């Protein structure tokens, strides 16, 4: 046992020495280090821009500056990176640490000062470089689970200075994370493609699971493309990691090659051009390259990734995927053209608009006007503009209900939607708004800008109608009037609004603004030392929804 412990200690020291060779220390003292996600992972609507370091399923692990530098930015938000620190280093790089539980005392005090100055929980500020200098290894905070985080971990990025480019610091050997395992290809989809008109049409031919075991011949159309679902594995981690490179060969000739590399934030929005949208589960990377794709410089593709078979012979199709360490795996298929597998343009185009990706698209019908700006679509497409329900003021729908496009399809620029409000009574006009319908049938606020006797909003594809909200939010303190509070002093108020939703809120104690945030339908209140004095205190809470309806509640608390 002593020998085993000595070996493990030696390995840890070697790992630290390796990181120091490149000038970087470890962000945490947890060894052996382990990752739950790597750079470039496909995340439904973006590329993962850093590494997710495991923290043993707990918060509160001390975080160390990986290099000397200074705190150049601090941000606090209920979403995104939550509590985050940005450290500028002398070599021009910046390290970013997200989802932190809390900041070091002096940094936390500066954050609170800024929150009270702005009277807002969500803040971003840039301290003077001399305010928080850091030595390599110095603790500046503790790991957590704040923001848009699915569990305790540390999200860490290294960015190049100037262009703010997040880089894959795993592939360049910054940290000795072991990976000798090749990626796994779990699914391959085949899609018929037709572009004889200005509007390309796609139809899924089939989805093959466990492709390495498939022995049959895949029947395809004359023109088709493939989409690949693949993930990587590290030696000492069970999570699904990112694939770095995808290649496709037809009869040994390369027809598609994409390598993730480093992805600037400005280009992350083109993620949707690379994946097969509308598929359930993990996104599949497709070979077809739509024209409105800012990542084409990373792709080497023949005929925009569309594979054409000009005969009825059997052809060999091979897919190769690799991780950032060069570990690769592949699967092979026999494909054969079937002339009966054709894609026809929709014969019923009623209520559908032929939208060209490079031109504006405007469509009006029965009190609805929709406009899509140029370069909003990844490719030209038929966009549904379908009336799915008639107006019914008695049930709260003051216009027809419209389904605009496919809500699973991403728009580079939001469309503009205008709906008629002629059915809204004059005394309720200022309480009308455009409501969206989510996939579960729920309702949400989508906008209420008054334009030419109607309402207009910028929105994504989805389902919309005009609703009215003349009911104020309901406020329900989770402490009884006159209750004694614990030493932390924290308490919350339920804030519910079944119509347009809570837009603004304010909490005051003894007439002074107090730090609070609205999350999950609840206002969380964070009194500090200046409030937690002995005796009774008066709390006043107000909330306003998106249609201007306001409610308030007042109660006493005791410390």
Protein backbone atom coordinates (compact mmCIF):
# COMPACT_ATOMS: atom_id res chain seq x y z
CA UNK A 1 0.00 0.00 0.00
CA UNK A 2 2.86 2.40 0.88
CA UNK A 3 4.46 1.67 -2.47
CA UNK A 4 1.17 2.38 -4.27
CA UNK A 5 0.76 5.68 -2.40
CA UNK A 6 4.33 6.62 -3.30
CA UNK A 7 3.67 5.93 -6.97
CA UNK A 8 0.47 7.99 -6.90
CA UNK A 9 2.29 10.86 -5.19
CA UNK A 10 5.05 10.71 -7.80
CA UNK A 11 2.48 10.80 -10.60
CA UNK A 12 0.81 13.86 -9.06
CA UNK A 13 4.15 15.63 -8.74
CA UNK A 14 4.98 14.78 -12.36
CA UNK A 15 1.60 16.15 -13.47
CA UNK A 16 2.19 19.40 -11.57
CA UNK A 17 5.68 19.66 -13.04
CA UNK A 18 4.26 19.10 -16.53
CA UNK A 19 1.74 21.94 -16.10
CA UNK A 20 4.42 24.20 -14.70
CA UNK A 21 6.57 23.45 -17.75
CA UNK A 22 3.98 25.28 -19.79
CA UNK A 23 3.68 28.04 -17.20
CA UNK A 24 0.26 26.97 -15.92
CA UNK A 25 -0.68 25.67 -12.50
CA UNK A 26 -3.73 23.59 -11.73
CA UNK A 27 -6.98 25.51 -11.09
CA UNK A 28 -7.76 23.16 -8.16
CA UNK A 29 -5.78 20.91 -5.86
CA UNK A 30 -7.94 17.88 -6.70
CA UNK A 31 -5.73 15.11 -8.05
CA UNK A 32 -5.97 13.18 -10.19
CA UNK A 33 -7.69 15.87 -12.24
CA UNK A 34 -10.80 14.79 -14.13
CA UNK A 35 -12.99 16.36 -16.81
CA UNK A 36 -16.71 16.10 -17.49
CA UNK A 37 -16.67 18.00 -20.81
CA UNK A 38 -14.08 19.15 -23.33
CA UNK A 39 -13.66 22.00 -25.81
CA UNK A 40 -15.80 21.99 -28.94
CA UNK A 41 -18.55 19.70 -27.67
CA UNK A 42 -21.82 20.12 -29.58
CA UNK A 43 -24.23 21.71 -27.11
CA UNK A 44 -27.55 21.96 -29.02
CA UNK A 45 -27.03 25.62 -29.93
CA UNK A 46 -23.31 26.33 -29.46
CA UNK A 47 -19.83 24.89 -29.15
CA UNK A 48 -18.54 24.33 -25.64
CA UNK A 49 -15.85 27.00 -25.27
CA UNK A 50 -13.74 25.51 -22.47
CA UNK A 51 -13.14 22.54 -20.22
CA UNK A 52 -15.46 21.42 -17.43
CA UNK A 53 -13.41 20.21 -14.45
CA UNK A 54 -15.00 17.79 -12.00
CA UNK A 55 -15.15 18.84 -8.35
CA UNK A 56 -16.21 15.55 -6.79
CA UNK A 57 -19.91 16.43 -7.01
CA UNK A 58 -19.56 19.22 -4.46
CA UNK A 59 -19.20 22.99 -4.29
CA UNK A 60 -16.64 24.90 -2.26
CA UNK A 61 -13.37 23.68 -3.80
CA UNK A 62 -10.71 26.46 -3.63
CA UNK A 63 -9.84 27.94 -7.03
CA UNK A 64 -6.27 28.98 -7.81
CA UNK A 65 -4.98 31.42 -10.42
CA UNK A 66 -3.27 29.24 -13.04
CA UNK A 67 -0.79 32.06 -13.74
CA UNK A 68 0.12 35.37 -12.23
CA UNK A 69 -2.03 38.29 -13.37
CA UNK A 70 -4.90 40.42 -12.16
CA UNK A 71 -8.68 40.24 -12.00
CA UNK A 72 -9.83 42.15 -15.06
CA UNK A 73 -13.56 41.35 -14.91
CA UNK A 74 -16.11 39.95 -12.49
CA UNK A 75 -19.66 38.98 -13.43
CA UNK A 76 -22.71 37.84 -11.50
CA UNK A 77 -25.79 36.44 -13.24
CA UNK A 78 -28.59 33.97 -12.47
CA UNK A 79 -27.87 32.39 -15.89
CA UNK A 80 -24.81 31.76 -18.07
CA UNK A 81 -21.57 31.48 -16.11
CA UNK A 82 -23.25 32.59 -12.87
CA UNK A 83 -20.52 33.91 -10.61
CA UNK A 84 -17.40 34.26 -12.78
CA UNK A 85 -13.89 35.70 -12.55
CA UNK A 86 -11.70 36.72 -15.50
CA UNK A 87 -7.92 36.91 -14.94
CA UNK A 88 -5.61 38.74 -17.34
CA UNK A 89 -2.09 37.29 -17.59
CA UNK A 90 1.14 39.01 -18.65
CA UNK A 91 1.57 36.73 -21.69
CA UNK A 92 -1.62 38.20 -23.21
CA UNK A 93 -3.91 35.29 -22.35
CA UNK A 94 -6.98 35.45 -20.14
CA UNK A 95 -8.33 32.65 -17.95
CA UNK A 96 -12.04 32.46 -17.15
CA UNK A 97 -13.63 30.59 -14.22
CA UNK A 98 -17.41 30.08 -14.27
CA UNK A 99 -20.22 28.78 -12.02
CA UNK A 100 -18.34 29.77 -8.84
CA UNK A 101 -20.04 29.41 -5.47
CA UNK A 102 -18.48 32.55 -4.01
CA UNK A 103 -15.65 35.04 -4.39
CA UNK A 104 -12.76 35.75 -2.05
CA UNK A 105 -13.67 38.27 0.66
CA UNK A 106 -12.20 41.41 -0.93
CA UNK A 107 -13.58 40.54 -4.36
CA UNK A 108 -16.99 39.70 -2.85
CA UNK A 109 -17.06 43.07 -1.09
CA UNK A 110 -16.34 44.84 -4.38
CA UNK A 111 -19.11 42.85 -6.09
CA UNK A 112 -21.63 43.78 -3.41
CA UNK A 113 -20.59 47.42 -3.60
CA UNK A 114 -21.20 47.36 -7.36
CA UNK A 115 -24.58 45.63 -6.95
CA UNK A 116 -25.75 48.28 -4.50
CA UNK A 117 -24.37 51.05 -6.70
CA UNK A 118 -26.33 49.74 -9.70
CA UNK A 119 -29.22 48.48 -7.53
CA UNK A 120 -29.17 45.24 -9.48
CA UNK A 121 -28.24 41.64 -8.67
CA UNK A 122 -26.85 41.00 -12.15
CA UNK A 123 -23.63 42.98 -12.66
CA UNK A 124 -20.50 42.96 -14.77
CA UNK A 125 -17.64 45.24 -13.82
CA UNK A 126 -13.95 45.64 -14.62
CA UNK A 127 -11.78 46.52 -11.61
CA UNK A 128 -8.63 48.59 -11.99
CA UNK A 129 -5.65 46.28 -12.76
CA UNK A 130 -4.00 47.28 -9.49
CA UNK A 131 -6.99 46.36 -7.34
CA UNK A 132 -6.81 42.55 -7.36
CA UNK A 133 -3.33 41.36 -8.41
CA UNK A 134 -2.85 37.60 -8.17
CA UNK A 135 0.17 35.40 -7.83
CA UNK A 136 0.24 32.02 -9.53
CA UNK A 137 -1.62 29.56 -7.27
CA UNK A 138 -3.34 32.27 -5.21
CA UNK A 139 -6.93 31.51 -4.19
CA UNK A 140 -9.54 33.96 -5.49
CA UNK A 141 -12.77 32.03 -4.85
CA UNK A 142 -14.49 28.65 -4.59
CA UNK A 143 -16.14 26.36 -7.14
CA UNK A 144 -19.91 26.06 -7.29
CA UNK A 145 -23.05 25.44 -9.29
CA UNK A 146 -24.32 28.95 -10.13
CA UNK A 147 -25.77 30.17 -13.42
CA UNK A 148 -26.76 27.72 -16.16
CA UNK A 149 -25.06 24.74 -14.56
CA UNK A 150 -26.33 21.19 -14.33
CA UNK A 151 -24.24 20.28 -11.30
CA UNK A 152 -21.20 21.38 -9.27
CA UNK A 153 -18.13 21.82 -11.48
CA UNK A 154 -15.64 24.39 -12.73
CA UNK A 155 -15.98 25.72 -16.25
CA UNK A 156 -12.58 27.11 -17.25
CA UNK A 157 -11.49 28.82 -20.45
CA UNK A 158 -8.21 30.19 -21.73
CA UNK A 159 -8.64 33.02 -24.21
CA UNK A 160 -6.16 34.71 -26.49
CA UNK A 161 -5.79 38.43 -25.86
CA UNK A 162 -7.09 40.93 -28.39
CA UNK A 163 -9.54 38.74 -30.28
CA UNK A 164 -10.98 37.16 -27.10
CA UNK A 165 -10.67 33.75 -28.77
CA UNK A 166 -11.29 30.73 -26.52
CA UNK A 167 -8.68 28.07 -27.31
CA UNK A 168 -8.53 24.32 -26.87
CA UNK A 169 -5.85 24.20 -24.19
CA UNK A 170 -6.27 20.44 -23.78
CA UNK A 171 -4.96 19.65 -27.26
CA UNK A 172 -1.78 21.71 -26.89
CA UNK A 173 -0.60 19.77 -23.84
CA UNK A 174 -1.23 22.45 -21.23
CA UNK A 175 -2.50 19.75 -18.85
CA UNK A 176 -1.57 16.04 -18.98
CA UNK A 177 -5.08 14.61 -19.28
CA UNK A 178 -4.77 11.04 -20.55
CA UNK A 179 -6.77 9.97 -23.61
CA UNK A 180 -5.96 6.81 -25.52
CA UNK A 181 -9.56 5.86 -26.28
CA UNK A 182 -11.02 6.54 -29.74
CA UNK A 183 -14.41 8.26 -30.22
CA UNK A 184 -17.57 6.20 -30.57
CA UNK A 185 -19.95 6.57 -33.53
CA UNK A 186 -23.40 5.85 -32.15
CA UNK A 187 -25.71 6.85 -35.02
CA UNK A 188 -25.53 7.74 -38.70
CA UNK A 189 -28.43 9.34 -40.56
CA UNK A 190 -28.96 9.29 -44.33
CA UNK A 191 -30.86 12.17 -45.98
CA UNK A 192 -32.20 12.51 -49.51
CA UNK A 193 -31.46 15.91 -51.05
CA UNK A 194 -32.99 17.73 -54.02
CA UNK A 195 -31.91 21.16 -55.29
CA UNK A 196 -33.41 21.35 -58.77
CA UNK A 197 -35.26 24.54 -57.77
CA UNK A 198 -34.22 27.55 -55.73
CA UNK A 199 -35.47 25.80 -52.59
CA UNK A 200 -33.54 22.65 -51.58
CA UNK A 201 -35.66 19.88 -50.11
CA UNK A 202 -34.51 17.28 -47.60
CA UNK A 203 -36.08 14.01 -46.48
CA UNK A 204 -34.68 11.58 -43.95
CA UNK A 205 -34.13 8.14 -45.46
CA UNK A 206 -33.11 6.32 -42.32
CA UNK A 207 -31.16 6.35 -39.08
CA UNK A 208 -28.73 3.54 -38.31
CA UNK A 209 -27.85 2.87 -34.68
CA UNK A 210 -24.72 0.88 -33.78
CA UNK A 211 -23.34 1.53 -37.28
CA UNK A 212 -20.18 -0.54 -36.68
CA UNK A 213 -22.43 -3.63 -36.63
CA UNK A 214 -24.48 -2.79 -39.73
CA UNK A 215 -23.92 -5.31 -42.54
CA UNK A 216 -26.61 -4.50 -45.11
CA UNK A 217 -26.62 -2.19 -48.12
CA UNK A 218 -28.10 1.25 -47.56
CA UNK A 219 -30.51 2.36 -50.28
CA UNK A 220 -30.05 6.05 -51.00
CA UNK A 221 -31.34 8.65 -53.46
CA UNK A 222 -29.22 9.98 -56.32
CA UNK A 223 -28.21 12.92 -54.13
CA UNK A 224 -27.84 12.48 -50.39
CA UNK A 225 -25.80 13.44 -47.38
CA UNK A 226 -25.02 11.85 -44.05
CA UNK A 227 -25.13 13.09 -40.46
CA UNK A 228 -22.97 11.59 -37.72
CA UNK A 229 -23.59 11.28 -33.98
CA UNK A 230 -20.23 10.68 -32.30
CA UNK A 231 -18.71 11.33 -28.88
CA UNK A 232 -15.27 10.85 -27.37
CA UNK A 233 -14.19 9.22 -24.11
CA UNK A 234 -11.21 10.02 -21.89
CA UNK A 235 -9.32 7.25 -20.13
CA UNK A 236 -10.29 8.36 -16.62
CA UNK A 237 -13.71 9.93 -17.24
CA UNK A 238 -17.10 8.45 -18.07
CA UNK A 239 -18.64 11.54 -19.64
CA UNK A 240 -19.20 12.12 -23.34
CA UNK A 241 -16.50 14.41 -24.74
CA UNK A 242 -16.04 16.37 -27.96
CA UNK A 243 -15.01 14.97 -31.33
CA UNK A 244 -12.39 17.14 -33.02
CA UNK A 245 -12.53 15.98 -36.65
CA UNK A 246 -15.05 14.36 -39.01
CA UNK A 247 -14.16 12.87 -42.40
CA UNK A 248 -16.26 11.05 -44.99
CA UNK A 249 -14.95 9.03 -47.96
CA UNK A 250 -16.76 7.66 -51.01
CA UNK A 251 -14.87 4.85 -52.73
CA UNK A 252 -11.71 5.98 -50.90
CA UNK A 253 -12.04 9.57 -52.17
CA UNK A 254 -12.52 12.19 -49.45
CA UNK A 255 -15.77 14.09 -49.90
CA UNK A 256 -16.00 15.86 -46.53
CA UNK A 257 -13.54 17.01 -43.86
CA UNK A 258 -14.37 19.24 -40.89
CA UNK A 259 -12.06 20.07 -37.99
CA UNK A 260 -13.40 22.06 -35.04
CA UNK A 261 -10.18 23.86 -34.09
CA UNK A 262 -10.62 27.07 -32.12
CA UNK A 263 -14.05 28.68 -32.60
CA UNK A 264 -14.41 32.47 -32.05
CA UNK A 265 -17.51 33.55 -30.13
CA UNK A 266 -18.61 35.56 -33.17
CA UNK A 267 -18.78 32.36 -35.21
CA UNK A 268 -20.51 30.19 -32.64
CA UNK A 269 -23.90 31.20 -34.03
CA UNK A 270 -23.12 29.21 -37.19
CA UNK A 271 -23.28 26.05 -35.13
CA UNK A 272 -26.76 25.40 -36.54
CA UNK A 273 -25.31 25.23 -40.07
CA UNK A 274 -23.29 22.16 -39.08
CA UNK A 275 -25.88 20.04 -37.31
CA UNK A 276 -28.97 18.20 -38.42
CA UNK A 277 -31.66 20.13 -36.61
CA UNK A 278 -34.87 18.59 -35.38
CA UNK A 279 -33.28 15.27 -34.41
CA UNK A 280 -33.98 14.14 -30.87
CA UNK A 281 -31.12 13.61 -28.46
CA UNK A 282 -27.52 14.52 -29.25
CA UNK A 283 -26.99 16.68 -32.32
CA UNK A 284 -25.67 15.01 -35.45
CA UNK A 285 -22.98 16.72 -37.52
CA UNK A 286 -24.00 16.73 -41.20
CA UNK A 287 -21.93 16.81 -44.36
CA UNK A 288 -24.26 19.20 -46.21
CA UNK A 289 -22.89 22.73 -46.03
CA UNK A 290 -25.69 25.34 -46.31
CA UNK A 291 -24.63 28.58 -48.02
CA UNK A 292 -25.07 30.93 -45.02
CA UNK A 293 -22.30 29.26 -43.02
CA UNK A 294 -19.53 31.34 -41.51
CA UNK A 295 -17.55 28.19 -40.68
CA UNK A 296 -16.99 27.07 -44.28
CA UNK A 297 -13.30 27.93 -43.96
CA UNK A 298 -13.01 24.99 -41.57
CA UNK A 299 -14.61 22.58 -44.04
CA UNK A 300 -13.16 20.83 -47.08
CA UNK A 301 -16.15 19.40 -48.95
CA UNK A 302 -16.91 18.26 -52.48
CA UNK A 303 -20.17 19.72 -53.89
CA UNK A 304 -21.04 21.30 -50.52
CA UNK A 305 -21.05 17.91 -48.85
CA UNK A 306 -23.80 16.49 -51.10
CA UNK A 307 -22.90 13.01 -52.34
CA UNK A 308 -24.09 12.15 -55.84
CA UNK A 309 -24.38 8.60 -57.24
CA UNK A 310 -24.60 8.49 -61.02
CA UNK A 311 -25.01 4.73 -61.41
CA UNK A 312 -26.69 1.78 -59.71
CA UNK A 313 -23.48 0.12 -58.58
CA UNK A 314 -22.67 -0.54 -54.94
CA UNK A 315 -20.30 2.07 -53.50
CA UNK A 316 -18.21 2.13 -50.32
CA UNK A 317 -18.91 4.91 -47.82
CA UNK A 318 -16.54 5.37 -44.88
CA UNK A 319 -16.85 7.74 -41.92
CA UNK A 320 -13.83 8.54 -39.74
CA UNK A 321 -13.95 10.56 -36.52
CA UNK A 322 -11.01 11.59 -34.33
CA UNK A 323 -10.44 13.37 -31.02
CA UNK A 324 -7.95 16.17 -30.40
CA UNK A 325 -5.24 13.61 -29.50
CA UNK A 326 -5.53 11.84 -32.85
CA UNK A 327 -7.39 8.75 -31.58
CA UNK A 328 -9.70 7.72 -34.42
CA UNK A 329 -12.49 5.27 -35.16
CA UNK A 330 -14.51 4.56 -38.27
CA UNK A 331 -17.52 2.79 -39.67
CA UNK A 332 -18.21 1.69 -43.24
CA UNK A 333 -21.33 1.16 -45.32
CA UNK A 334 -22.27 -0.12 -48.72
CA UNK A 335 -24.58 2.37 -50.45
CA UNK A 336 -26.61 1.87 -53.61
CA UNK A 337 -28.77 4.26 -55.56
CA UNK A 338 -32.50 3.55 -55.64
CA UNK A 339 -34.18 5.71 -58.30
CA UNK A 340 -37.53 5.45 -56.49
CA UNK A 341 -36.13 7.29 -53.46
CA UNK A 342 -36.73 10.80 -54.67
CA UNK A 343 -37.47 14.03 -52.85
CA UNK A 344 -40.33 16.00 -54.31
CA UNK A 345 -41.03 19.64 -53.64
CA UNK A 346 -44.12 20.06 -51.45
CA UNK A 347 -47.20 19.94 -53.66
CA UNK A 348 -49.29 21.82 -51.11
CA UNK A 349 -47.67 25.22 -50.58
CA UNK A 350 -50.77 26.94 -49.19
CA UNK A 351 -49.72 28.88 -46.13
CA UNK A 352 -46.05 28.27 -46.90
CA UNK A 353 -43.59 30.85 -48.08
CA UNK A 354 -40.62 30.22 -50.36
CA UNK A 355 -37.94 32.07 -48.39
CA UNK A 356 -34.58 32.72 -50.07
CA UNK A 357 -31.79 32.93 -47.52
CA UNK A 358 -30.09 35.89 -49.24
CA UNK A 359 -33.23 38.03 -49.69
CA UNK A 360 -35.91 39.51 -47.40
CA UNK A 361 -39.11 37.51 -47.07
CA UNK A 362 -42.42 39.26 -46.30
CA UNK A 363 -45.75 37.50 -45.94
CA UNK A 364 -49.14 38.91 -44.83
CA UNK A 365 -52.44 37.17 -44.29
CA UNK A 366 -55.55 37.69 -42.16
CA UNK A 367 -54.05 40.22 -39.75
CA UNK A 368 -50.61 38.59 -39.54
CA UNK A 369 -47.44 39.98 -41.12
CA UNK A 370 -44.11 38.17 -40.96
CA UNK A 371 -40.74 39.42 -42.21
CA UNK A 372 -37.46 37.48 -42.34
CA UNK A 373 -34.33 39.53 -42.94
CA UNK A 374 -31.64 38.44 -45.44
CA UNK A 375 -29.05 35.96 -44.10
CA UNK A 376 -31.37 34.84 -41.30
CA UNK A 377 -31.87 31.34 -42.69
CA UNK A 378 -28.96 28.97 -43.16
CA UNK A 379 -30.39 27.96 -46.54
CA UNK A 380 -33.43 28.78 -48.64
CA UNK A 381 -36.50 26.94 -47.39
CA UNK A 382 -40.26 26.71 -47.36
CA UNK A 383 -41.43 28.49 -44.21
CA UNK A 384 -44.82 27.53 -42.82
CA UNK A 385 -47.20 30.39 -41.98
CA UNK A 386 -50.11 28.33 -40.75
CA UNK A 387 -53.23 29.41 -38.88
CA UNK A 388 -53.59 26.67 -36.28
CA UNK A 389 -56.53 28.12 -34.32
CA UNK A 390 -59.12 30.85 -34.78
CA UNK A 391 -59.45 33.78 -32.43
CA UNK A 392 -61.52 33.25 -29.28
CA UNK A 393 -61.63 36.28 -26.93
CA UNK A 394 -63.76 34.30 -24.49
CA UNK A 395 -60.82 31.94 -23.94
CA UNK A 396 -58.18 34.68 -23.92
CA UNK A 397 -57.05 34.50 -27.55
CA UNK A 398 -57.62 37.92 -29.13
CA UNK A 399 -56.21 36.97 -32.54
CA UNK A 400 -55.84 33.90 -34.67
CA UNK A 401 -53.03 31.61 -33.52
CA UNK A 402 -50.19 31.32 -36.03
CA UNK A 403 -47.43 28.78 -36.39
CA UNK A 404 -44.47 30.44 -38.06
CA UNK A 405 -41.77 28.08 -39.34
CA UNK A 406 -40.29 25.15 -37.39
CA UNK A 407 -39.32 26.05 -33.82
CA UNK A 408 -36.41 23.58 -33.99
CA UNK A 409 -34.83 25.58 -36.85
CA UNK A 410 -32.38 28.26 -35.73
CA UNK A 411 -32.52 31.79 -37.19
CA UNK A 412 -29.35 33.89 -37.44
CA UNK A 413 -31.55 36.99 -37.04
CA UNK A 414 -34.93 37.03 -35.34
CA UNK A 415 -37.96 37.50 -37.57
CA UNK A 416 -40.40 40.38 -37.15
CA UNK A 417 -43.98 39.40 -36.43
CA UNK A 418 -47.00 41.73 -36.36
CA UNK A 419 -50.48 40.62 -35.21
CA UNK A 420 -53.74 42.54 -35.47
CA UNK A 421 -55.38 43.67 -32.22
CA UNK A 422 -58.79 44.74 -33.56
CA UNK A 423 -60.55 42.20 -31.31
CA UNK A 424 -59.00 43.64 -28.15
CA UNK A 425 -61.46 46.02 -26.36
CA UNK A 426 -60.26 49.64 -26.26
CA UNK A 427 -60.01 49.62 -22.47
CA UNK A 428 -57.63 46.64 -22.64
CA UNK A 429 -55.39 47.77 -25.52
CA UNK A 430 -52.57 48.74 -23.16
CA UNK A 431 -52.74 45.30 -21.54
CA UNK A 432 -52.35 43.30 -24.77
CA UNK A 433 -49.21 41.38 -25.66
CA UNK A 434 -48.03 38.71 -28.08
CA UNK A 435 -47.94 35.33 -26.36
CA UNK A 436 -45.78 32.43 -27.49
CA UNK A 437 -46.68 28.78 -27.02
CA UNK A 438 -43.93 26.40 -25.88
CA UNK A 439 -43.65 22.71 -26.72
CA UNK A 440 -45.58 21.71 -23.61
CA UNK A 441 -48.47 24.02 -24.46
CA UNK A 442 -47.44 26.63 -21.92
CA UNK A 443 -47.65 30.35 -22.61
CA UNK A 444 -44.90 32.97 -22.41
CA UNK A 445 -44.43 36.67 -23.11
CA UNK A 446 -43.02 37.40 -26.58
CA UNK A 447 -43.42 41.20 -26.87
CA UNK A 448 -45.89 44.07 -26.94
CA UNK A 449 -44.57 46.89 -29.13
CA UNK A 450 -47.50 48.86 -30.58
CA UNK A 451 -47.17 49.39 -34.36
CA UNK A 452 -49.89 50.62 -36.73
CA UNK A 453 -52.82 49.50 -34.64
CA UNK A 454 -51.31 46.11 -33.91
CA UNK A 455 -48.56 44.52 -31.87
CA UNK A 456 -45.08 43.70 -33.15
CA UNK A 457 -42.18 41.70 -31.78
CA UNK A 458 -38.87 40.15 -32.81
CA UNK A 459 -39.00 36.41 -32.26
CA UNK A 460 -37.81 33.01 -33.34
CA UNK A 461 -39.86 30.45 -35.23
CA UNK A 462 -42.79 29.28 -33.13
CA UNK A 463 -46.51 29.63 -32.38
CA UNK A 464 -48.02 33.01 -31.41
CA UNK A 465 -51.27 34.84 -30.67
CA UNK A 466 -52.48 38.05 -29.00
CA UNK A 467 -53.36 37.77 -25.31
CA UNK A 468 -54.42 40.23 -22.61
CA UNK A 469 -53.05 40.49 -19.08
CA UNK A 470 -54.80 42.85 -16.66
CA UNK A 471 -54.02 40.89 -13.51
CA UNK A 472 -51.10 41.84 -11.26
CA UNK A 473 -48.55 39.27 -10.05
CA UNK A 474 -49.28 37.36 -6.86
CA UNK A 475 -46.73 37.84 -4.07
CA UNK A 476 -46.57 35.29 -1.26
CA UNK A 477 -43.82 35.69 1.36
CA UNK A 478 -42.41 32.36 2.53
CA UNK A 479 -42.05 33.78 6.05
CA UNK A 480 -44.95 34.81 8.23
CA UNK A 481 -45.39 38.40 9.28
CA UNK A 482 -43.29 39.00 12.38
CA UNK A 483 -41.22 35.83 11.93
CA UNK A 484 -37.76 35.54 13.46
CA UNK A 485 -35.12 34.80 10.82
CA UNK A 486 -31.96 32.67 11.12
CA UNK A 487 -28.50 34.21 11.35
CA UNK A 488 -28.08 34.24 7.55
CA UNK A 489 -31.16 36.41 7.32
CA UNK A 490 -32.10 35.09 3.89
CA UNK A 491 -35.72 34.67 2.92
CA UNK A 492 -37.83 34.49 -0.25
CA UNK A 493 -41.14 35.56 -1.75
CA UNK A 494 -43.13 33.53 -4.27
CA UNK A 495 -43.84 35.77 -7.28
CA UNK A 496 -46.31 34.21 -9.73
CA UNK A 497 -47.90 35.70 -12.83
CA UNK A 498 -50.00 33.45 -15.06
CA UNK A 499 -50.16 36.00 -17.88
CA UNK A 500 -47.28 38.00 -19.30
CA UNK A 501 -44.88 37.10 -16.47
CA UNK A 502 -42.88 39.12 -13.94
CA UNK A 503 -40.78 41.80 -15.62
CA UNK A 504 -39.45 43.95 -12.77
CA UNK A 505 -39.34 43.70 -8.99
CA UNK A 506 -38.01 45.67 -6.05
CA UNK A 507 -37.27 44.76 -2.43
CA UNK A 508 -36.69 47.32 0.32
CA UNK A 509 -35.97 46.90 4.01
CA UNK A 510 -36.76 49.85 6.26
CA UNK A 511 -37.02 52.01 3.15
CA UNK A 512 -33.62 51.04 1.68
CA UNK A 513 -32.97 48.91 -1.44
CA UNK A 514 -31.76 45.42 -0.59
CA UNK A 515 -29.97 42.84 -2.72
CA UNK A 516 -32.27 40.21 -4.26
CA UNK A 517 -32.73 38.15 -7.40
CA UNK A 518 -35.70 36.61 -9.23
CA UNK A 519 -35.17 32.98 -10.18
CA UNK A 520 -37.51 30.03 -10.61
CA UNK A 521 -40.65 32.03 -9.80
CA UNK A 522 -39.21 33.20 -6.49
CA UNK A 523 -37.59 36.42 -5.27
CA UNK A 524 -34.55 35.50 -3.16
CA UNK A 525 -33.52 38.19 -0.66
CA UNK A 526 -29.97 38.53 0.69
CA UNK A 527 -29.74 40.87 3.70
CA UNK A 528 -26.19 41.67 4.81
CA UNK A 529 -24.68 43.01 8.03
CA UNK A 530 -26.18 46.46 7.58
CA UNK A 531 -29.67 44.95 7.73
CA UNK A 532 -29.24 42.12 10.24
CA UNK A 533 -29.44 44.29 13.32
CA UNK A 534 -31.58 43.37 16.28
CA UNK A 535 -35.27 44.13 16.35
CA UNK A 536 -38.11 44.33 13.87
CA UNK A 537 -37.64 45.39 10.27
CA UNK A 538 -40.20 46.31 7.62
CA UNK A 539 -39.89 44.57 4.24
CA UNK A 540 -41.64 46.05 1.21
CA UNK A 541 -41.79 44.03 -2.03
CA UNK A 542 -43.28 45.11 -5.35
CA UNK A 543 -43.48 43.29 -8.68
CA UNK A 544 -44.63 44.42 -12.13
CA UNK A 545 -45.48 42.21 -15.09
CA UNK A 546 -44.75 42.91 -18.76
CA UNK A 547 -48.12 44.63 -19.18
CA UNK A 548 -47.57 47.12 -16.36
CA UNK A 549 -49.71 45.46 -13.69
CA UNK A 550 -48.13 45.99 -10.26
CA UNK A 551 -48.70 44.41 -6.86
CA UNK A 552 -46.94 44.81 -3.53
CA UNK A 553 -46.75 43.28 -0.09
CA UNK A 554 -45.39 44.50 3.24
CA UNK A 555 -44.45 42.41 6.25
CA UNK A 556 -42.20 42.40 9.32
CA UNK A 557 -39.17 40.25 10.08
CA UNK A 558 -37.13 39.97 13.28
CA UNK A 559 -33.39 39.36 13.68
